[in-house]
């Protein structure tokens, strides 16, 4: 396991940690006009089960 040779200064530590940010996920609108639900991009819609212009084979109730 790698061990640092010298103590990292408080300034360098804080500069490094400043890049760790929480980002809200980007949502897209469902392609199904009857649904218009929001879901993550490149994922099937959890409401209607449609992926892009393709409909899901299973029926979600």
Protein backbone atom coordinates (compact mmCIF):
# COMPACT_ATOMS: atom_id res chain seq x y z
CA UNK A 1 0.00 0.00 0.00
CA UNK A 2 1.32 3.44 -0.91
CA UNK A 3 2.18 5.75 1.95
CA UNK A 4 2.70 9.51 1.45
CA UNK A 5 6.25 10.66 2.09
CA UNK A 6 5.28 14.10 3.40
CA UNK A 7 2.25 15.68 5.06
CA UNK A 8 -0.10 17.34 2.57
CA UNK A 9 -0.71 20.98 3.47
CA UNK A 10 -4.17 22.14 4.51
CA UNK A 11 -4.37 24.35 1.41
CA UNK A 12 -3.58 21.47 -0.98
CA UNK A 13 -6.03 19.20 0.81
CA UNK A 14 -8.84 21.74 0.54
CA UNK A 15 -8.07 22.49 -3.11
CA UNK A 16 -8.30 18.78 -3.89
CA UNK A 17 -11.53 18.32 -1.93
CA UNK A 18 -13.18 21.35 -3.56
CA UNK A 19 -13.64 19.27 -6.72
CA UNK A 20 -15.87 16.74 -4.90
CA UNK A 21 -19.33 18.10 -5.58
CA UNK A 22 -22.74 16.51 -5.43
CA UNK A 23 -24.53 16.92 -8.77
CA UNK A 24 -28.25 16.50 -9.34
CA UNK A 25 -28.97 13.85 -12.00
CA UNK A 26 -30.13 15.14 -15.37
CA UNK A 27 -33.62 13.93 -16.25
CA UNK A 28 -35.23 13.66 -19.68
CA UNK A 29 -38.89 13.56 -20.66
CA UNK A 30 -40.34 10.23 -21.78
CA UNK A 31 -40.83 9.83 -25.54
CA UNK A 32 -44.28 8.34 -24.96
CA UNK A 33 -46.76 11.22 -25.44
CA UNK A 34 -49.28 9.54 -23.14
CA UNK A 35 -46.74 9.26 -20.30
CA UNK A 36 -44.57 12.44 -20.33
CA UNK A 37 -42.77 11.13 -17.21
CA UNK A 38 -39.21 12.05 -16.22
CA UNK A 39 -36.43 9.43 -16.17
CA UNK A 40 -32.64 9.13 -16.42
CA UNK A 41 -31.21 9.29 -19.96
CA UNK A 42 -30.48 5.95 -21.67
CA UNK A 43 -32.81 4.10 -19.26
CA UNK A 44 -36.32 2.74 -19.67
CA UNK A 45 -39.09 4.90 -18.22
CA UNK A 46 -40.12 3.53 -14.79
CA UNK A 47 -43.71 4.71 -15.33
CA UNK A 48 -44.59 3.21 -18.72
CA UNK A 49 -41.55 0.99 -19.44
CA UNK A 50 -40.77 2.56 -22.81
CA UNK A 51 -37.15 3.00 -23.94
CA UNK A 52 -36.83 5.80 -26.50
CA UNK A 53 -39.20 5.12 -29.36
CA UNK A 54 -39.32 1.38 -28.55
CA UNK A 55 -42.13 0.06 -26.34
CA UNK A 56 -41.36 -2.44 -23.57
CA UNK A 57 -42.71 -5.99 -23.98
CA UNK A 58 -43.89 -6.30 -20.39
CA UNK A 59 -46.95 -4.48 -19.11
CA UNK A 60 -46.32 -2.21 -16.11
CA UNK A 61 -49.30 -1.40 -13.94
